[in-house]
């Protein structure tokens, strides 16, 4: 699939770079498929901290890694939330959820390069969708990528960075 990047330039957003093997992204997708809005973000600092939040639930964690955030949030998702929501998280998804695969490694690398990242799996949309925002270095300006799956949203910055001559480790 091809999409429009910044300034209307066509970018290849469909290349499979192994993002589908990321347990944390599968966890976020599972929740979005059930109507949840899940965000994952990090900013560069001496010790980068990740924040994972399930909106509408008392399920939020700020930890040193995205995987640690999942391990903290997962127990808060069992049972009925204060808003009446319940989520079914299959055991295979729960087991693999703290596996930081290619997608989270890409986000981690971007943070190490000085970028701020924000990833959202949005179950409030008519069809669950993903949004990725990347701001600051190594990109010359901010980037927003949307897609029906994490793979689409994450492939866009890889293509964009490579078009600027940046070697991306995925």
N, C-alpha and C. Protein backbone atom coordinates (compact mmCIF):
# COMPACT_ATOMS: atom_id res chain seq x y z
N UNK A 1 0.84 -1.18 0.00
CA UNK A 1 0.00 0.00 0.00
C UNK A 1 0.88 1.23 0.00
N UNK A 2 0.50 2.23 -0.73
CA UNK A 2 1.25 3.47 -0.78
C UNK A 2 0.38 4.59 -0.24
N UNK A 3 1.01 5.53 0.42
CA UNK A 3 0.27 6.65 0.99
C UNK A 3 1.00 7.94 0.74
N UNK A 4 0.37 9.03 1.09
CA UNK A 4 0.97 10.35 0.92
C UNK A 4 1.73 10.73 2.18
N UNK A 5 2.97 11.12 2.03
CA UNK A 5 3.78 11.58 3.14
C UNK A 5 3.69 13.09 3.24
N UNK A 6 4.59 13.68 4.02
CA UNK A 6 4.64 15.14 4.14
C UNK A 6 4.82 15.76 2.77
N UNK A 7 4.29 16.92 2.61
CA UNK A 7 4.38 17.68 1.37
C UNK A 7 3.83 16.91 0.18
N UNK A 8 2.90 15.96 0.43
CA UNK A 8 2.23 15.26 -0.65
C UNK A 8 3.07 14.22 -1.36
N UNK A 9 4.27 13.96 -0.87
CA UNK A 9 5.13 12.98 -1.52
C UNK A 9 4.61 11.57 -1.26
N UNK A 10 4.65 10.72 -2.26
CA UNK A 10 4.18 9.35 -2.11
C UNK A 10 5.27 8.52 -1.42
N UNK A 11 4.87 7.82 -0.35
CA UNK A 11 5.81 6.95 0.35
C UNK A 11 5.25 5.54 0.39
N UNK A 12 6.13 4.58 0.42
CA UNK A 12 5.73 3.18 0.49
C UNK A 12 5.48 2.85 1.95
N UNK A 13 4.22 2.66 2.31
CA UNK A 13 3.87 2.39 3.70
C UNK A 13 3.51 0.94 3.92
N UNK A 14 3.76 0.08 2.95
CA UNK A 14 3.30 -1.28 3.09
C UNK A 14 4.39 -2.33 3.23
N UNK A 15 5.65 -1.91 3.23
CA UNK A 15 6.72 -2.89 3.30
C UNK A 15 6.70 -3.60 4.65
N UNK A 16 6.76 -4.92 4.63
CA UNK A 16 6.75 -5.69 5.87
C UNK A 16 8.17 -5.75 6.42
N UNK A 17 8.35 -5.19 7.58
CA UNK A 17 9.66 -5.18 8.22
C UNK A 17 9.65 -5.98 9.52
N UNK A 18 8.71 -6.90 9.66
CA UNK A 18 8.64 -7.72 10.86
C UNK A 18 7.84 -7.11 11.99
N UNK A 19 7.11 -6.03 11.73
CA UNK A 19 6.35 -5.39 12.80
C UNK A 19 5.23 -6.28 13.30
N UNK A 20 4.75 -7.20 12.48
CA UNK A 20 3.67 -8.09 12.88
C UNK A 20 4.05 -9.08 13.96
N UNK A 21 5.34 -9.23 14.23
CA UNK A 21 5.81 -10.17 15.25
C UNK A 21 5.99 -9.51 16.61
N UNK A 22 5.54 -8.27 16.74
CA UNK A 22 5.73 -7.52 17.97
C UNK A 22 4.57 -7.79 18.92
N UNK A 23 4.85 -8.46 20.05
CA UNK A 23 3.80 -8.82 20.99
C UNK A 23 3.11 -7.62 21.61
N UNK A 24 3.85 -6.55 21.87
CA UNK A 24 3.25 -5.36 22.45
C UNK A 24 2.26 -4.73 21.48
N UNK A 25 2.60 -4.68 20.20
CA UNK A 25 1.67 -4.13 19.21
C UNK A 25 0.44 -5.02 19.07
N UNK A 26 0.62 -6.34 19.17
CA UNK A 26 -0.52 -7.26 19.12
C UNK A 26 -1.44 -7.04 20.33
N UNK A 27 -0.85 -6.76 21.49
CA UNK A 27 -1.61 -6.46 22.69
C UNK A 27 -2.44 -5.19 22.50
N UNK A 28 -1.81 -4.14 21.96
CA UNK A 28 -2.51 -2.89 21.71
C UNK A 28 -3.64 -3.10 20.70
N UNK A 29 -3.38 -3.90 19.66
CA UNK A 29 -4.40 -4.17 18.64
C UNK A 29 -5.57 -4.94 19.25
N UNK A 30 -5.28 -5.91 20.11
CA UNK A 30 -6.33 -6.70 20.77
C UNK A 30 -7.27 -5.78 21.55
N UNK A 31 -6.71 -4.83 22.28
CA UNK A 31 -7.53 -3.89 23.04
C UNK A 31 -8.32 -2.96 22.11
N UNK A 32 -7.68 -2.47 21.04
CA UNK A 32 -8.37 -1.59 20.09
C UNK A 32 -9.51 -2.32 19.41
N UNK A 33 -9.32 -3.59 19.10
CA UNK A 33 -10.39 -4.38 18.48
C UNK A 33 -11.62 -4.48 19.39
N UNK A 34 -11.41 -4.28 20.70
CA UNK A 34 -12.51 -4.32 21.66
C UNK A 34 -12.99 -2.91 22.04
N UNK A 35 -12.55 -1.91 21.29
CA UNK A 35 -13.03 -0.55 21.48
C UNK A 35 -12.17 0.34 22.37
N UNK A 36 -11.04 -0.14 22.85
CA UNK A 36 -10.17 0.66 23.71
C UNK A 36 -9.33 1.63 22.88
N UNK A 37 -8.90 2.69 23.53
CA UNK A 37 -7.91 3.60 22.96
C UNK A 37 -6.66 3.44 23.81
N UNK A 38 -5.58 3.01 23.17
CA UNK A 38 -4.34 2.70 23.88
C UNK A 38 -3.24 3.59 23.32
N UNK A 39 -2.48 4.24 24.21
CA UNK A 39 -1.38 5.08 23.76
C UNK A 39 -0.06 4.60 24.36
N UNK A 40 1.00 4.77 23.59
CA UNK A 40 2.36 4.46 24.01
C UNK A 40 3.21 5.63 23.59
N UNK A 41 3.96 6.21 24.53
CA UNK A 41 4.79 7.35 24.15
C UNK A 41 6.08 7.37 24.95
N UNK A 42 7.07 8.07 24.40
CA UNK A 42 8.35 8.26 25.07
C UNK A 42 9.00 9.51 24.52
N UNK A 43 9.82 10.12 25.36
CA UNK A 43 10.59 11.29 24.98
C UNK A 43 12.04 11.05 25.34
N UNK A 44 12.95 11.66 24.60
CA UNK A 44 14.37 11.47 24.94
C UNK A 44 14.71 12.17 26.25
N UNK A 45 15.52 11.52 27.03
CA UNK A 45 16.04 12.09 28.28
C UNK A 45 17.23 11.24 28.70
N UNK A 46 17.87 11.62 29.79
CA UNK A 46 19.01 10.84 30.26
C UNK A 46 18.61 9.39 30.47
N UNK A 47 17.43 9.19 31.03
CA UNK A 47 16.85 7.86 31.19
C UNK A 47 15.46 7.91 30.57
N UNK A 48 15.31 7.50 29.30
CA UNK A 48 13.99 7.58 28.66
C UNK A 48 12.95 6.78 29.42
N UNK A 49 11.79 7.37 29.56
CA UNK A 49 10.68 6.69 30.20
C UNK A 49 9.56 6.49 29.20
N UNK A 50 8.96 5.32 29.25
CA UNK A 50 7.83 4.98 28.39
C UNK A 50 6.54 5.11 29.17
N UNK A 51 5.50 5.54 28.51
CA UNK A 51 4.18 5.65 29.13
C UNK A 51 3.19 4.86 28.29
N UNK A 52 2.48 3.94 28.91
CA UNK A 52 1.44 3.16 28.27
C UNK A 52 0.14 3.45 29.01
N UNK A 53 -0.89 3.78 28.26
CA UNK A 53 -2.16 4.17 28.88
C UNK A 53 -3.32 3.58 28.11
N UNK A 54 -4.29 3.04 28.84
CA UNK A 54 -5.55 2.60 28.26
C UNK A 54 -6.57 3.62 28.72
N UNK A 55 -7.03 4.46 27.79
CA UNK A 55 -7.94 5.55 28.14
C UNK A 55 -9.27 4.99 28.64
N UNK A 56 -9.84 5.65 29.63
CA UNK A 56 -11.10 5.23 30.18
C UNK A 56 -10.97 4.16 31.25
N UNK A 57 -9.77 3.71 31.51
CA UNK A 57 -9.51 2.72 32.56
C UNK A 57 -8.44 3.26 33.48
N UNK A 58 -8.37 2.74 34.67
CA UNK A 58 -7.29 3.09 35.57
C UNK A 58 -6.12 2.19 35.24
N UNK A 59 -5.64 2.33 34.02
CA UNK A 59 -4.58 1.46 33.52
C UNK A 59 -3.54 2.33 32.83
N UNK A 60 -2.54 2.74 33.61
CA UNK A 60 -1.48 3.58 33.08
C UNK A 60 -0.20 3.22 33.79
N UNK A 61 0.90 3.23 33.05
CA UNK A 61 2.20 2.94 33.64
C UNK A 61 3.26 3.79 32.97
N UNK A 62 4.22 4.23 33.76
CA UNK A 62 5.40 4.92 33.26
C UNK A 62 6.59 4.13 33.77
N UNK A 63 7.33 3.55 32.85
CA UNK A 63 8.43 2.67 33.21
C UNK A 63 9.61 2.87 32.25
N UNK A 64 10.69 2.16 32.52
CA UNK A 64 11.91 2.28 31.72
C UNK A 64 11.80 1.61 30.35
N UNK A 65 10.84 0.72 30.18
CA UNK A 65 10.66 0.06 28.88
C UNK A 65 9.18 -0.13 28.62
N UNK A 66 8.85 -0.28 27.35
CA UNK A 66 7.46 -0.51 26.97
C UNK A 66 6.97 -1.84 27.54
N UNK A 67 7.83 -2.86 27.54
CA UNK A 67 7.46 -4.16 28.09
C UNK A 67 7.12 -4.09 29.57
N UNK A 68 7.89 -3.31 30.33
CA UNK A 68 7.60 -3.14 31.75
C UNK A 68 6.24 -2.45 31.94
N UNK A 69 5.92 -1.52 31.05
CA UNK A 69 4.61 -0.85 31.12
C UNK A 69 3.49 -1.86 30.98
N UNK A 70 3.62 -2.79 30.03
CA UNK A 70 2.58 -3.79 29.82
C UNK A 70 2.42 -4.66 31.06
N UNK A 71 3.54 -5.11 31.62
CA UNK A 71 3.46 -5.96 32.82
C UNK A 71 2.75 -5.24 33.96
N UNK A 72 2.85 -3.92 34.02
CA UNK A 72 2.20 -3.14 35.07
C UNK A 72 0.71 -2.94 34.77
N UNK A 73 0.38 -2.68 33.51
CA UNK A 73 -0.99 -2.36 33.10
C UNK A 73 -1.88 -3.59 33.03
N UNK A 74 -1.33 -4.72 32.63
CA UNK A 74 -2.11 -5.93 32.39
C UNK A 74 -3.04 -6.30 33.55
N UNK A 75 -2.59 -6.32 34.80
CA UNK A 75 -3.51 -6.69 35.89
C UNK A 75 -4.69 -5.72 36.04
N UNK A 76 -4.49 -4.45 35.70
CA UNK A 76 -5.57 -3.46 35.83
C UNK A 76 -6.65 -3.65 34.77
N UNK A 77 -6.37 -4.45 33.75
CA UNK A 77 -7.34 -4.66 32.67
C UNK A 77 -8.25 -5.86 32.92
N UNK A 78 -7.93 -6.66 33.90
CA UNK A 78 -8.79 -7.81 34.19
C UNK A 78 -9.98 -7.36 35.01
N UNK A 79 -11.10 -7.94 34.79
CA UNK A 79 -12.31 -7.54 35.50
C UNK A 79 -12.97 -6.34 34.84
N UNK A 80 -14.00 -5.84 35.49
CA UNK A 80 -14.76 -4.71 34.96
C UNK A 80 -14.17 -3.41 35.47
N UNK A 81 -13.96 -2.46 34.56
CA UNK A 81 -13.41 -1.17 34.93
C UNK A 81 -14.46 -0.25 35.52
N UNK A 82 -14.03 0.87 36.05
CA UNK A 82 -14.95 1.83 36.65
C UNK A 82 -15.94 2.37 35.62
N UNK A 83 -15.56 2.34 34.36
CA UNK A 83 -16.46 2.82 33.30
C UNK A 83 -17.35 1.70 32.77
N UNK A 84 -17.29 0.52 33.40
CA UNK A 84 -18.11 -0.60 32.97
C UNK A 84 -17.50 -1.44 31.87
N UNK A 85 -16.33 -1.06 31.39
CA UNK A 85 -15.71 -1.80 30.29
C UNK A 85 -15.03 -3.07 30.79
N UNK A 86 -15.07 -4.08 29.96
CA UNK A 86 -14.33 -5.30 30.22
C UNK A 86 -13.56 -5.66 28.96
N UNK A 87 -12.40 -6.20 29.13
CA UNK A 87 -11.57 -6.60 27.98
C UNK A 87 -11.22 -8.07 28.13
N UNK A 88 -11.26 -8.77 27.04
CA UNK A 88 -10.83 -10.16 27.00
C UNK A 88 -9.47 -10.18 26.33
N UNK A 89 -8.49 -10.61 27.09
CA UNK A 89 -7.13 -10.68 26.55
C UNK A 89 -6.75 -12.15 26.50
N UNK A 90 -6.75 -12.74 25.31
CA UNK A 90 -6.40 -14.15 25.20
C UNK A 90 -5.03 -14.43 25.83
N UNK A 91 -4.87 -15.61 26.37
CA UNK A 91 -3.63 -15.94 27.09
C UNK A 91 -2.40 -15.83 26.20
N UNK A 92 -2.51 -16.19 24.91
CA UNK A 92 -1.34 -16.09 24.05
C UNK A 92 -0.96 -14.62 23.82
N UNK A 93 -1.95 -13.74 23.74
CA UNK A 93 -1.66 -12.31 23.60
C UNK A 93 -1.07 -11.78 24.90
N UNK A 94 -1.62 -12.17 26.03
CA UNK A 94 -1.09 -11.72 27.33
C UNK A 94 0.35 -12.16 27.51
N UNK A 95 0.66 -13.41 27.12
CA UNK A 95 2.03 -13.93 27.27
C UNK A 95 3.01 -13.18 26.38
N UNK A 96 2.59 -12.86 25.16
CA UNK A 96 3.52 -12.22 24.22
C UNK A 96 3.53 -10.70 24.33
N UNK A 97 2.61 -10.13 25.14
CA UNK A 97 2.43 -8.67 25.17
C UNK A 97 3.68 -7.91 25.59
N UNK A 98 4.49 -8.47 26.45
CA UNK A 98 5.68 -7.74 26.87
C UNK A 98 6.89 -8.07 25.99
N UNK A 99 6.67 -8.70 24.85
CA UNK A 99 7.73 -8.95 23.89
C UNK A 99 7.89 -7.70 23.04
N UNK A 100 9.00 -7.03 23.22
CA UNK A 100 9.26 -5.81 22.46
C UNK A 100 9.93 -6.21 21.16
N UNK A 101 9.13 -6.33 20.13
CA UNK A 101 9.62 -6.75 18.83
C UNK A 101 10.10 -5.58 17.99
N UNK A 102 10.10 -5.77 16.70
CA UNK A 102 10.65 -4.81 15.75
C UNK A 102 10.01 -3.43 15.86
N UNK A 103 8.71 -3.37 16.05
CA UNK A 103 8.04 -2.07 16.13
C UNK A 103 8.50 -1.25 17.32
N UNK A 104 8.52 -1.85 18.50
CA UNK A 104 8.95 -1.13 19.69
C UNK A 104 10.45 -0.84 19.63
N UNK A 105 11.23 -1.74 19.03
CA UNK A 105 12.66 -1.47 18.87
C UNK A 105 12.89 -0.25 17.97
N UNK A 106 12.06 -0.11 16.92
CA UNK A 106 12.15 1.07 16.06
C UNK A 106 11.84 2.33 16.87
N UNK A 107 10.76 2.30 17.65
CA UNK A 107 10.40 3.46 18.46
C UNK A 107 11.50 3.77 19.48
N UNK A 108 12.06 2.75 20.08
CA UNK A 108 13.15 2.91 21.04
C UNK A 108 14.35 3.58 20.37
N UNK A 109 14.69 3.12 19.17
CA UNK A 109 15.80 3.69 18.41
C UNK A 109 15.54 5.16 18.10
N UNK A 110 14.30 5.49 17.71
CA UNK A 110 13.97 6.88 17.42
C UNK A 110 14.18 7.76 18.66
N UNK A 111 13.77 7.27 19.83
CA UNK A 111 13.96 8.02 21.07
C UNK A 111 15.45 8.19 21.35
N UNK A 112 16.24 7.15 21.14
CA UNK A 112 17.68 7.24 21.34
C UNK A 112 18.31 8.28 20.41
N UNK A 113 17.70 8.50 19.25
CA UNK A 113 18.21 9.49 18.29
C UNK A 113 17.74 10.90 18.62
N UNK A 114 16.91 11.05 19.64
CA UNK A 114 16.44 12.37 20.06
C UNK A 114 15.02 12.69 19.68
N UNK A 115 14.27 11.73 19.17
CA UNK A 115 12.89 11.97 18.76
C UNK A 115 11.93 11.73 19.92
N UNK A 116 10.80 12.41 19.86
CA UNK A 116 9.66 12.11 20.72
C UNK A 116 8.70 11.27 19.90
N UNK A 117 8.18 10.21 20.48
CA UNK A 117 7.27 9.32 19.74
C UNK A 117 5.96 9.16 20.51
N UNK A 118 4.89 9.00 19.73
CA UNK A 118 3.56 8.78 20.28
C UNK A 118 2.86 7.82 19.34
N UNK A 119 2.41 6.69 19.86
CA UNK A 119 1.72 5.68 19.07
C UNK A 119 0.36 5.43 19.71
N UNK A 120 -0.68 5.43 18.89
CA UNK A 120 -2.03 5.22 19.42
C UNK A 120 -2.75 4.16 18.59
N UNK A 121 -3.33 3.18 19.30
CA UNK A 121 -4.24 2.20 18.70
C UNK A 121 -5.62 2.65 19.13
N UNK A 122 -6.43 3.06 18.17
CA UNK A 122 -7.69 3.75 18.47
C UNK A 122 -8.90 2.90 18.14
N UNK A 123 -9.49 2.30 19.18
CA UNK A 123 -10.69 1.51 19.01
C UNK A 123 -11.95 2.34 18.93
N UNK A 124 -11.84 3.67 19.13
CA UNK A 124 -13.00 4.55 19.01
C UNK A 124 -13.35 4.85 17.56
N UNK A 125 -12.44 4.59 16.66
CA UNK A 125 -12.72 4.83 15.23
C UNK A 125 -13.71 3.77 14.76
N UNK A 126 -14.43 4.06 13.66
CA UNK A 126 -15.36 3.05 13.14
C UNK A 126 -14.67 1.72 12.88
N UNK A 127 -13.44 1.79 12.50
CA UNK A 127 -12.61 0.60 12.29
C UNK A 127 -11.31 0.90 13.04
N UNK A 128 -10.86 0.05 13.96
CA UNK A 128 -9.66 0.39 14.72
C UNK A 128 -8.53 0.85 13.81
N UNK A 129 -7.88 1.92 14.21
CA UNK A 129 -6.80 2.47 13.41
C UNK A 129 -5.62 2.88 14.28
N UNK A 130 -4.52 3.15 13.64
CA UNK A 130 -3.28 3.48 14.32
C UNK A 130 -2.81 4.86 13.89
N UNK A 131 -2.21 5.58 14.80
CA UNK A 131 -1.58 6.86 14.52
C UNK A 131 -0.21 6.86 15.17
N UNK A 132 0.79 7.30 14.42
CA UNK A 132 2.15 7.46 14.94
C UNK A 132 2.56 8.90 14.70
N UNK A 133 3.05 9.55 15.75
CA UNK A 133 3.63 10.89 15.64
C UNK A 133 5.08 10.80 16.05
N UNK A 134 5.96 11.36 15.23
CA UNK A 134 7.39 11.42 15.53
C UNK A 134 7.80 12.87 15.37
N UNK A 135 8.44 13.41 16.39
CA UNK A 135 8.83 14.81 16.36
C UNK A 135 10.29 14.93 16.78
N UNK A 136 11.00 15.80 16.13
CA UNK A 136 12.40 16.12 16.40
C UNK A 136 13.32 15.12 15.70
N UNK A 137 14.58 15.21 16.04
CA UNK A 137 15.65 14.46 15.41
C UNK A 137 15.29 12.97 15.38
N UNK A 138 15.66 12.19 14.39
CA UNK A 138 16.49 12.49 13.24
C UNK A 138 15.71 13.01 12.02
N UNK A 139 14.42 13.26 12.16
CA UNK A 139 13.63 13.80 11.07
C UNK A 139 13.76 15.32 11.04
N UNK A 140 13.77 15.91 9.84
CA UNK A 140 13.89 17.36 9.75
C UNK A 140 12.66 18.10 10.28
N UNK A 141 11.50 17.46 10.31
CA UNK A 141 10.29 18.05 10.89
C UNK A 141 9.41 16.91 11.38
N UNK A 142 8.26 17.23 11.95
CA UNK A 142 7.41 16.19 12.52
C UNK A 142 6.82 15.31 11.42
N UNK A 143 6.46 14.12 11.82
CA UNK A 143 5.87 13.15 10.89
C UNK A 143 4.64 12.55 11.56
N UNK A 144 3.58 12.45 10.80
CA UNK A 144 2.38 11.75 11.26
C UNK A 144 2.10 10.65 10.25
N UNK A 145 1.83 9.46 10.76
CA UNK A 145 1.49 8.34 9.89
C UNK A 145 0.27 7.65 10.48
N UNK A 146 -0.71 7.38 9.65
CA UNK A 146 -1.93 6.70 10.06
C UNK A 146 -2.08 5.43 9.23
N UNK A 147 -2.74 4.44 9.81
CA UNK A 147 -2.98 3.22 9.06
C UNK A 147 -3.95 2.32 9.79
N UNK A 148 -4.47 1.33 9.07
CA UNK A 148 -5.40 0.39 9.69
C UNK A 148 -4.70 -0.63 10.58
N UNK A 149 -3.38 -0.70 10.49
CA UNK A 149 -2.59 -1.63 11.29
C UNK A 149 -1.28 -0.96 11.68
N UNK A 150 -0.69 -1.41 12.76
CA UNK A 150 0.57 -0.83 13.23
C UNK A 150 1.65 -0.90 12.16
N UNK A 151 1.66 -1.99 11.40
CA UNK A 151 2.68 -2.17 10.36
C UNK A 151 2.69 -1.00 9.38
N UNK A 152 1.51 -0.53 9.01
CA UNK A 152 1.41 0.58 8.05
C UNK A 152 1.93 1.87 8.65
N UNK A 153 1.52 2.16 9.88
CA UNK A 153 1.94 3.40 10.52
C UNK A 153 3.44 3.41 10.80
N UNK A 154 4.02 2.26 11.15
CA UNK A 154 5.44 2.20 11.47
C UNK A 154 6.33 2.15 10.23
N UNK A 155 5.82 1.65 9.12
CA UNK A 155 6.63 1.58 7.90
C UNK A 155 6.89 2.97 7.33
N UNK A 156 5.98 3.90 7.54
CA UNK A 156 6.12 5.24 6.98
C UNK A 156 7.37 5.97 7.46
N UNK A 157 7.66 6.03 8.77
CA UNK A 157 8.88 6.75 9.17
C UNK A 157 10.15 6.08 8.68
N UNK A 158 10.13 4.75 8.55
CA UNK A 158 11.31 4.06 8.02
C UNK A 158 11.58 4.53 6.61
N UNK A 159 10.55 4.56 5.78
CA UNK A 159 10.70 5.01 4.41
C UNK A 159 11.14 6.48 4.36
N UNK A 160 10.53 7.30 5.20
CA UNK A 160 10.86 8.74 5.24
C UNK A 160 12.30 8.96 5.68
N UNK A 161 12.74 8.27 6.72
CA UNK A 161 14.11 8.42 7.20
C UNK A 161 15.11 7.99 6.13
N UNK A 162 14.84 6.87 5.49
CA UNK A 162 15.75 6.39 4.44
C UNK A 162 15.81 7.36 3.28
N UNK A 163 14.69 8.05 2.98
CA UNK A 163 14.71 9.03 1.89
C UNK A 163 15.61 10.24 2.25
N UNK A 164 15.88 10.44 3.54
CA UNK A 164 16.77 11.51 3.98
C UNK A 164 18.19 10.99 4.23
N UNK A 165 18.47 9.75 3.84
CA UNK A 165 19.80 9.18 3.98
C UNK A 165 20.13 8.64 5.35
N UNK A 166 19.12 8.48 6.22
CA UNK A 166 19.37 7.96 7.57
C UNK A 166 19.29 6.43 7.51
N UNK A 167 20.28 5.78 8.06
CA UNK A 167 20.29 4.33 8.14
C UNK A 167 19.45 3.90 9.33
N UNK A 168 18.40 3.15 9.04
CA UNK A 168 17.46 2.70 10.07
C UNK A 168 17.72 1.22 10.33
N UNK A 169 17.83 0.81 11.61
CA UNK A 169 18.22 -0.56 11.93
C UNK A 169 17.08 -1.59 11.83
N UNK A 170 16.12 -1.41 10.94
CA UNK A 170 15.10 -2.43 10.71
C UNK A 170 14.95 -2.67 9.23
